[in-house]
Amino acid sequence: MALHIVASRPDPALLTLPWSTPLEEWTPEHVVPLPRGLSRHVVRIVRLRDRTYAVKETVAEIAFREYRMLRDLQRMGLPAVVPQGVVTGRIGADGEELPAALLTEHLQFSLPYRSLFSHGLSADNLPTLVDAMVVLLVRLHLADFYWGDVSLSNVLFRRNAGGFSAYLVDAETGELKTELSDRLREYDVTVGTENVFAELLDLQASAGVDAPLDAHAVVGMLAERYHALWAELTGEERFGVEEMWRIEQRIERLNDLGFDVEELDIVTDFDGDQVVIRPRVVELGHHCRELQALTGMNVEDGQARRLLNDLAAYTAHHDLGREDRHLVAARWLTEVYEPITRMIPAEARGKLEPAEVFHEVLEHRWYLSEQAGREVDIFDSARDYLATVLPHRPDEQLATTDEPDPEAV
């Protein structure tokens, strides 16, 4: 059988990988020791020239199904790893057929949940991981995607202005529905709480957290926050015609959560005395799209919100409120943001994304100002942060790990 590679963006270097060798026997010549989550499959991270891939062995039919599902999610703009290809027709040195391999692009500056705790995350930070998982699950459900295997192990996390953004990393059980039923949504939530509960107990048993944690409380928080966010994004609201201002208020609340309302259903009763509104199409990325329109930057939505707040403070400080906002944004970019991010030493650029560094500089500025009893200059704050804080942060762009390789089951 001939080796067969189906790829969305073919990389000729893929042909140089030892496809005739079982994945678990690949050597450091090809494999890089990047952190990865637990998996029931054999998974390895490989680097080819300037690109990094995750390779997973599985059945050919499942590999092609997941590849196409991830491509669909990518086209829909949903947060998931980017599929690169499927390799079939692998034959071992003994002439036996080897499993197919699914390739996905390694998500830079992302870490599995276990590695986050080994990189300094504490039990107190668990609510931020829960919030990230909730937002991911709600976004997938809004797109009528049934996950089927919600768990911390199937997610990668990226830092997002002090919080996290979550990305789907395993779509093997996922399905896109014409219309996702409430029953399937609730099933996803139930599976998620059961899996997360077991993962937290395992994390605590392995001494992976710095303090005891209440797994029951955490999974209860996951379900509670999911239902609260789902209700806010999709729930029906009734009011009198004299309260039409509540339409704008609902939109503003959704914008504050980071969502744009693409379509709003507005219905009046027979007499026209009562109004019913219900968002029909909502999409995360309100702050991200606003910042991108002003500056061309593409960052996580929480980071965009923080940068927009600093832009607003810059506008007020220089009394530029009457100026064209795009011109003010360009000035802020060249006078504040870019000079600070250029200050990051070359050897530290793999620790955090530039937008996250800028966010941390703003946090550090607040801390220094509190200590000094006066406002500290942002460039002085940046110099102090880069000298005293950033050097102690672990590298997260291509963070290697000394953790033992978990056995695939």
Protein backbone atom coordinates (compact mmCIF):
# COMPACT_ATOMS: atom_id res chain seq x y z
CA MET A 1 0.00 0.00 0.00
CA ALA A 2 1.37 3.44 -0.96
CA LEU A 3 1.66 6.25 1.59
CA HIS A 4 -1.23 8.68 1.10
CA ILE A 5 -1.29 12.22 2.54
CA VAL A 6 -4.37 14.45 2.36
CA ALA A 7 -3.47 17.98 3.51
CA SER A 8 -5.14 21.39 3.40
CA ARG A 9 -1.78 23.16 3.06
CA PRO A 10 0.71 20.52 1.93
CA ASP A 11 4.15 20.76 3.53
CA PRO A 12 6.71 18.71 1.55
CA ALA A 13 8.65 18.18 4.78
CA LEU A 14 5.87 15.86 5.97
CA LEU A 15 7.28 13.20 3.65
CA THR A 16 10.51 13.19 5.67
CA LEU A 17 8.82 11.93 8.85
CA PRO A 18 9.30 8.21 9.72
CA TRP A 19 5.78 7.09 8.82
CA SER A 20 6.87 3.43 8.68
CA THR A 21 7.64 3.57 12.43
CA PRO A 22 4.91 3.41 15.12
CA LEU A 23 4.36 6.89 16.58
CA GLU A 24 5.31 5.80 20.11
CA GLU A 25 8.78 4.85 18.79
CA TRP A 26 9.57 8.23 17.18
CA THR A 27 12.82 9.66 18.49
CA PRO A 28 13.88 13.16 19.61
CA GLU A 29 15.21 13.65 16.10
CA HIS A 30 11.60 14.37 15.13
CA VAL A 31 9.68 14.79 18.40
CA VAL A 32 9.82 17.93 20.55
CA PRO A 33 8.95 17.63 24.28
CA LEU A 34 6.03 20.06 24.33
CA PRO A 35 3.28 19.63 26.93
CA ARG A 36 0.14 17.86 25.76
CA GLY A 37 -3.00 16.62 27.44
CA LEU A 38 -3.83 13.07 28.34
CA SER A 39 -5.20 11.10 25.39
CA ARG A 40 -6.55 7.65 24.67
CA HIS A 41 -4.45 7.77 21.49
CA VAL A 42 -0.70 7.99 20.96
CA VAL A 43 0.08 11.66 20.33
CA ARG A 44 3.42 13.30 19.55
CA ILE A 45 4.45 16.89 18.83
CA VAL A 46 6.84 17.31 15.89
CA ARG A 47 8.65 20.32 14.46
CA LEU A 48 9.42 20.64 10.75
CA ARG A 49 11.52 23.68 9.91
CA ASP A 50 9.53 26.61 11.36
CA ARG A 51 6.23 24.75 11.81
CA THR A 52 5.03 22.59 14.68
CA TYR A 53 2.39 19.86 14.45
CA ALA A 54 0.51 17.51 16.76
CA VAL A 55 0.31 13.99 15.30
CA LYS A 56 -2.33 11.53 16.56
CA GLU A 57 -2.61 7.87 15.60
CA THR A 58 -6.15 6.63 15.06
CA VAL A 59 -8.38 4.69 12.67
CA ALA A 60 -8.42 6.12 9.13
CA GLU A 61 -12.18 6.65 9.06
CA ILE A 62 -12.11 8.51 12.37
CA ALA A 63 -9.07 10.56 11.30
CA PHE A 64 -10.80 11.77 8.12
CA ARG A 65 -14.02 12.51 10.00
CA GLU A 66 -12.22 14.59 12.63
CA TYR A 67 -10.13 16.33 9.96
CA ARG A 68 -13.27 17.42 8.09
CA MET A 69 -15.03 18.41 11.33
CA LEU A 70 -12.11 20.61 12.39
CA ARG A 71 -12.07 22.21 8.92
CA ASP A 72 -15.79 22.99 9.29
CA LEU A 73 -15.19 24.57 12.69
CA GLN A 74 -12.31 26.60 11.24
CA ARG A 75 -14.52 27.91 8.42
CA MET A 76 -17.12 28.90 11.03
CA GLY A 77 -14.52 30.87 12.98
CA LEU A 78 -14.88 28.72 16.11
CA PRO A 79 -11.98 28.25 18.56
CA ALA A 80 -10.40 24.92 17.66
CA VAL A 81 -7.00 23.65 16.57
CA VAL A 82 -6.31 23.98 12.85
CA PRO A 83 -6.30 20.66 10.92
CA GLN A 84 -3.38 20.07 8.59
CA GLY A 85 -3.88 16.62 7.10
CA VAL A 86 -4.37 12.87 7.36
CA VAL A 87 -1.74 10.23 6.58
CA THR A 88 -2.84 6.73 5.59
CA GLY A 89 -1.18 3.75 3.93
CA ARG A 90 1.49 3.44 6.62
CA ILE A 91 3.32 0.11 6.59
CA GLY A 92 5.77 -0.93 9.31
CA ALA A 93 9.16 -2.56 8.78
CA ASP A 94 7.52 -5.94 9.50
CA GLY A 95 5.02 -5.39 6.68
CA GLU A 96 2.13 -4.83 9.07
CA GLU A 97 -0.27 -1.92 8.50
CA LEU A 98 0.07 0.97 10.96
CA PRO A 99 -2.73 3.28 12.16
CA ALA A 100 -3.61 6.42 10.23
CA ALA A 101 -2.34 9.76 11.57
CA LEU A 102 -4.20 13.04 12.00
CA LEU A 103 -2.06 16.19 11.90
CA THR A 104 -3.10 19.49 13.46
CA GLU A 105 -1.19 22.73 13.80
CA HIS A 106 0.33 23.32 17.22
CA LEU A 107 -1.44 26.27 18.86
CA GLN A 108 1.31 28.62 20.00
CA PHE A 109 1.21 30.03 23.53
CA SER A 110 -1.30 27.34 24.51
CA LEU A 111 -1.02 24.75 27.27
CA PRO A 112 -3.10 21.78 28.50
CA TYR A 113 -4.62 22.27 31.92
CA ARG A 114 -2.09 20.07 33.74
CA SER A 115 0.83 22.08 32.37
CA LEU A 116 -0.83 25.33 33.44
CA PHE A 117 -0.64 24.16 37.04
CA SER A 118 3.00 23.15 36.64
CA HIS A 119 3.59 26.64 35.19
CA GLY A 120 2.43 28.36 38.37
CA LEU A 121 -1.38 28.28 38.19
CA SER A 122 -2.96 27.82 41.62
CA ALA A 123 -6.22 26.28 42.81
CA ASP A 124 -7.55 29.84 43.20
CA ASN A 125 -7.31 30.24 39.41
CA LEU A 126 -9.70 27.37 38.66
CA PRO A 127 -12.72 29.70 38.19
CA THR A 128 -10.92 31.39 35.28
CA LEU A 129 -10.43 28.00 33.59
CA VAL A 130 -14.08 27.19 34.22
CA ASP A 131 -15.14 30.50 32.65
CA ALA A 132 -13.01 29.77 29.57
CA MET A 133 -14.54 26.29 29.20
CA VAL A 134 -18.05 27.71 29.63
CA VAL A 135 -17.50 30.33 26.91
CA LEU A 136 -16.09 27.66 24.58
CA LEU A 137 -19.01 25.29 25.19
CA VAL A 138 -21.60 28.05 24.74
CA ARG A 139 -19.97 29.20 21.48
CA LEU A 140 -19.98 25.66 20.14
CA HIS A 141 -23.62 25.17 21.13
CA LEU A 142 -24.65 28.47 19.54
CA ALA A 143 -23.17 27.08 16.31
CA ASP A 144 -25.24 23.86 16.77
CA PHE A 145 -22.14 21.79 17.50
CA TYR A 146 -22.61 18.79 19.77
CA TRP A 147 -19.28 17.97 21.44
CA GLY A 148 -20.02 14.63 23.07
CA ASP A 149 -16.81 14.52 25.15
CA VAL A 150 -16.48 17.76 27.09
CA SER A 151 -13.42 17.66 29.33
CA LEU A 152 -10.38 19.65 30.40
CA SER A 153 -8.18 17.13 28.57
CA ASN A 154 -9.81 18.00 25.25
CA VAL A 155 -9.06 21.71 25.58
CA LEU A 156 -6.00 23.91 25.17
CA PHE A 157 -5.82 27.19 27.08
CA ARG A 158 -4.23 30.49 26.04
CA ARG A 159 -3.77 33.45 28.37
CA ASN A 160 -6.23 36.27 27.80
CA ALA A 161 -5.67 39.47 29.80
CA GLY A 162 -5.27 37.67 33.10
CA GLY A 163 -7.88 35.03 32.24
CA PHE A 164 -7.90 32.32 29.61
CA SER A 165 -9.36 31.44 26.23
CA ALA A 166 -10.19 27.80 25.55
CA TYR A 167 -9.73 25.97 22.24
CA LEU A 168 -11.22 22.64 21.22
CA VAL A 169 -8.43 20.15 20.55
CA ASP A 170 -10.37 16.90 20.03
CA ALA A 171 -13.45 16.80 17.78
CA GLU A 172 -13.54 13.01 17.40
CA THR A 173 -17.01 12.70 18.94
CA GLY A 174 -18.37 16.03 17.70
CA GLU A 175 -21.29 16.57 15.34
CA LEU A 176 -22.70 19.63 13.62
CA LYS A 177 -26.50 19.54 13.88
CA THR A 178 -29.11 21.36 11.83
CA GLU A 179 -30.46 22.54 15.18
CA LEU A 180 -28.94 21.48 18.48
CA SER A 181 -31.62 20.32 20.90
CA ASP A 182 -31.78 21.33 24.55
CA ARG A 183 -31.44 17.64 25.43
CA LEU A 184 -28.05 17.37 23.68
CA ARG A 185 -26.89 20.66 25.20
CA GLU A 186 -27.72 19.41 28.67
CA TYR A 187 -26.03 16.10 27.92
CA ASP A 188 -22.84 17.95 27.00
CA VAL A 189 -23.02 19.90 30.26
CA THR A 190 -23.59 16.70 32.25
CA VAL A 191 -20.69 14.89 30.57
CA GLY A 192 -18.52 17.95 31.10
CA THR A 193 -19.22 18.12 34.83
CA GLU A 194 -18.56 14.38 35.23
CA ASN A 195 -15.30 14.48 33.28
CA VAL A 196 -14.02 17.65 34.94
CA PHE A 197 -14.88 16.25 38.37
CA ALA A 198 -12.79 13.12 37.67
CA GLU A 199 -9.94 15.17 36.19
CA LEU A 200 -9.79 17.45 39.22
CA LEU A 201 -9.70 14.49 41.60
CA ASP A 202 -6.89 12.97 39.55
CA LEU A 203 -5.03 16.30 39.52
CA GLN A 204 -5.31 16.56 43.29
CA ALA A 205 -4.26 12.94 43.82
CA SER A 206 -1.12 13.53 41.76
CA ALA A 207 -0.27 16.64 43.83
CA GLY A 208 -0.71 18.78 40.73
CA VAL A 209 -2.30 21.68 42.64
CA ASP A 210 -0.85 23.81 45.40
CA ALA A 211 -3.84 23.53 47.75
CA PRO A 212 -6.87 21.32 48.38
CA LEU A 213 -9.73 22.00 45.99
CA ASP A 214 -13.45 21.37 46.18
CA ALA A 215 -14.18 19.44 42.98
CA HIS A 216 -17.94 19.45 43.71
CA ALA A 217 -17.95 23.24 43.95
CA VAL A 218 -15.94 23.63 40.74
CA VAL A 219 -18.21 21.44 38.61
CA GLY A 220 -21.25 23.09 40.17
CA MET A 221 -19.79 26.42 39.11
CA LEU A 222 -19.31 25.10 35.56
CA ALA A 223 -22.98 24.13 35.18
CA GLU A 224 -24.24 27.28 36.90
CA ARG A 225 -22.16 29.64 34.76
CA TYR A 226 -23.03 27.77 31.57
CA HIS A 227 -26.76 28.15 32.20
CA ALA A 228 -26.39 31.81 33.23
CA LEU A 229 -24.44 32.71 30.08
CA TRP A 230 -26.76 30.70 27.81
CA ALA A 231 -29.78 32.47 29.31
CA GLU A 232 -28.19 35.90 28.85
CA LEU A 233 -27.28 35.19 25.23
CA THR A 234 -30.49 33.50 24.12
CA GLY A 235 -33.17 34.19 26.73
CA GLU A 236 -36.45 35.92 26.00
CA GLU A 237 -37.17 39.28 27.66
CA ARG A 238 -40.60 40.95 27.98
CA PHE A 239 -41.39 44.60 28.78
CA GLY A 240 -43.82 47.40 28.05
CA VAL A 241 -43.57 49.64 24.99
CA GLU A 242 -42.58 52.52 27.24
CA GLU A 243 -39.38 50.62 28.12
CA MET A 244 -37.91 50.34 24.63
CA TRP A 245 -34.58 51.51 26.06
CA ARG A 246 -34.22 47.96 27.39
CA ILE A 247 -33.42 46.76 23.86
CA GLU A 248 -30.27 48.87 23.81
CA GLN A 249 -29.52 47.86 27.40
CA ARG A 250 -29.67 44.15 26.45
CA ILE A 251 -27.32 44.74 23.52
CA GLU A 252 -24.90 46.66 25.77
CA ARG A 253 -24.91 43.83 28.32
CA LEU A 254 -24.02 41.35 25.59
CA ASN A 255 -21.30 43.67 24.30
CA ASP A 256 -19.85 43.86 27.81
CA LEU A 257 -19.66 40.06 27.77
CA GLY A 258 -17.75 40.31 24.49
CA PHE A 259 -20.60 39.26 22.21
CA ASP A 260 -22.10 41.09 19.23
CA VAL A 261 -25.79 40.72 18.42
CA GLU A 262 -26.01 39.86 14.73
CA GLU A 263 -29.78 39.37 14.75
CA LEU A 264 -32.49 40.30 17.27
CA ASP A 265 -36.06 39.00 17.20
CA ILE A 266 -38.53 41.74 18.31
CA VAL A 267 -42.26 40.94 18.59
CA THR A 268 -45.15 43.00 19.97
CA ASP A 269 -48.41 41.59 21.27
CA PHE A 270 -51.76 42.08 19.50
CA ASP A 271 -52.47 45.42 21.21
CA GLY A 272 -48.89 46.65 20.90
CA ASP A 273 -48.57 47.10 24.68
CA GLN A 274 -45.94 44.42 25.28
CA VAL A 275 -42.62 43.82 23.52
CA VAL A 276 -40.73 40.51 23.46
CA ILE A 277 -37.06 40.45 22.44
CA ARG A 278 -34.80 37.47 21.95
CA PRO A 279 -31.29 37.43 20.46
CA ARG A 280 -31.20 35.02 17.54
CA VAL A 281 -27.59 35.27 16.38
CA VAL A 282 -24.78 36.27 18.75
CA GLU A 283 -21.06 36.00 18.18
CA LEU A 284 -18.08 36.43 20.50
CA GLY A 285 -15.41 38.88 19.42
CA HIS A 286 -16.99 42.31 19.98
CA HIS A 287 -13.83 43.90 21.42
CA CYS A 288 -11.52 41.95 19.12
CA ARG A 289 -13.34 43.20 16.01
CA GLU A 290 -13.41 46.78 17.33
CA LEU A 291 -9.66 46.78 18.03
CA GLN A 292 -8.90 45.15 14.68
CA ALA A 293 -10.92 47.80 12.85
CA LEU A 294 -8.98 50.54 14.64
CA THR A 295 -5.45 49.12 14.61
CA GLY A 296 -5.36 45.96 12.48
CA MET A 297 -4.31 43.92 15.54
CA ASN A 298 -5.75 40.43 16.01
CA VAL A 299 -5.69 39.35 19.66
CA GLU A 300 -7.91 37.49 22.13
CA ASP A 301 -11.11 39.32 23.03
CA GLY A 302 -10.15 39.94 26.66
CA GLN A 303 -6.82 41.36 25.58
CA ALA A 304 -8.61 43.56 23.04
CA ARG A 305 -10.91 44.91 25.74
CA ARG A 306 -7.92 45.80 27.93
CA LEU A 307 -6.12 47.50 25.04
CA LEU A 308 -9.26 49.45 24.12
CA ASN A 309 -9.52 50.66 27.72
CA ASP A 310 -5.92 51.89 27.57
CA LEU A 311 -6.66 53.57 24.24
CA ALA A 312 -9.64 55.31 25.87
CA ALA A 313 -7.42 56.48 28.78
CA TYR A 314 -4.81 57.72 26.28
CA THR A 315 -7.55 59.61 24.39
CA ALA A 316 -8.81 61.29 27.56
CA HIS A 317 -5.30 62.10 28.86
CA HIS A 318 -4.35 63.89 25.64
CA ASP A 319 -7.83 65.45 25.19
CA LEU A 320 -8.29 63.80 21.79
CA GLY A 321 -11.98 63.02 22.16
CA ARG A 322 -12.91 65.20 19.18
CA GLU A 323 -10.30 63.65 16.89
CA ASP A 324 -10.96 60.84 14.43
CA ARG A 325 -10.80 57.63 16.46
CA HIS A 326 -8.76 55.78 13.84
CA LEU A 327 -6.12 58.53 13.87
CA VAL A 328 -5.98 58.49 17.67
CA ALA A 329 -5.62 54.70 17.62
CA ALA A 330 -2.74 54.95 15.14
CA ARG A 331 -1.04 57.50 17.38
CA TRP A 332 -1.53 55.31 20.50
CA LEU A 333 -0.17 52.34 18.59
CA THR A 334 3.03 54.13 17.52
CA GLU A 335 3.57 56.09 20.75
CA VAL A 336 2.60 53.54 23.41
CA TYR A 337 1.85 49.96 22.40
CA GLU A 338 4.56 49.30 19.82
CA PRO A 339 7.42 50.97 21.78
CA ILE A 340 6.56 48.90 24.86
CA THR A 341 6.28 45.58 23.02
CA ARG A 342 9.58 46.33 21.25
CA MET A 343 11.19 46.57 24.68
CA ILE A 344 10.65 42.84 25.25
CA PRO A 345 14.09 41.17 25.04
CA ALA A 346 14.50 38.67 22.23
CA GLU A 347 15.17 35.84 24.68
CA ALA A 348 11.85 36.53 26.47
CA ARG A 349 9.54 36.74 23.44
CA GLY A 350 8.45 33.13 23.86
CA LYS A 351 7.13 33.67 27.38
CA LEU A 352 3.90 35.53 26.58
CA GLU A 353 2.21 37.04 23.56
CA PRO A 354 2.93 40.78 23.14
CA ALA A 355 -0.68 41.73 23.95
CA GLU A 356 -0.52 39.70 27.18
CA VAL A 357 2.78 41.36 28.11
CA PHE A 358 1.17 44.77 27.57
CA HIS A 359 -1.74 43.74 29.79
CA GLU A 360 0.68 42.64 32.52
CA VAL A 361 2.60 45.91 32.21
CA LEU A 362 -0.66 47.77 32.86
CA GLU A 363 -1.29 45.56 35.91
CA HIS A 364 2.27 46.16 37.10
CA ARG A 365 1.84 49.91 36.62
CA TRP A 366 -1.21 49.86 38.89
CA TYR A 367 0.79 47.92 41.53
CA LEU A 368 3.76 50.33 41.36
CA SER A 369 1.46 53.37 41.51
CA GLU A 370 -0.24 51.98 44.62
CA GLN A 371 3.15 51.54 46.24
CA ALA A 372 4.39 55.00 45.22
CA GLY A 373 1.16 56.81 46.02
CA ARG A 374 1.25 58.46 42.60
CA GLU A 375 0.80 57.49 38.96
CA VAL A 376 3.94 55.81 37.62
CA ASP A 377 4.89 56.38 33.98
CA ILE A 378 3.96 53.42 31.78
CA PHE A 379 7.46 53.16 30.28
CA ASP A 380 9.05 53.14 33.74
CA SER A 381 6.52 50.44 34.67
CA ALA A 382 7.42 48.44 31.57
CA ARG A 383 11.14 48.61 32.34
CA ASP A 384 10.55 47.43 35.91
CA TYR A 385 8.23 44.62 34.78
CA LEU A 386 10.68 43.42 32.13
CA ALA A 387 13.51 43.43 34.66
CA THR A 388 11.78 41.93 37.70
CA VAL A 389 8.73 39.90 36.58
CA LEU A 390 8.97 38.61 33.02
CA PRO A 391 12.36 36.85 33.44
CA HIS A 392 10.73 34.53 35.99
CA ARG A 393 7.83 33.56 33.74
CA PRO A 394 8.08 30.17 31.98
CA ASP A 395 8.30 30.01 28.20
CA GLU A 396 4.81 29.33 26.79
CA GLN A 397 5.25 29.78 23.04
CA LEU A 398 6.97 26.43 22.61
CA ALA A 399 7.18 25.42 26.23
CA THR A 400 9.06 22.18 26.76
CA THR A 401 8.24 19.89 29.61
CA ASP A 402 10.17 17.56 31.86
CA GLU A 403 6.98 15.75 32.87
CA PRO A 404 6.90 12.00 32.19
CA ASP A 405 5.15 11.03 29.00
CA PRO A 406 1.67 9.73 29.92
CA GLU A 407 0.86 6.29 28.57
CA ALA A 408 -1.74 6.33 25.83
CA VAL A 409 -4.71 4.12 26.57
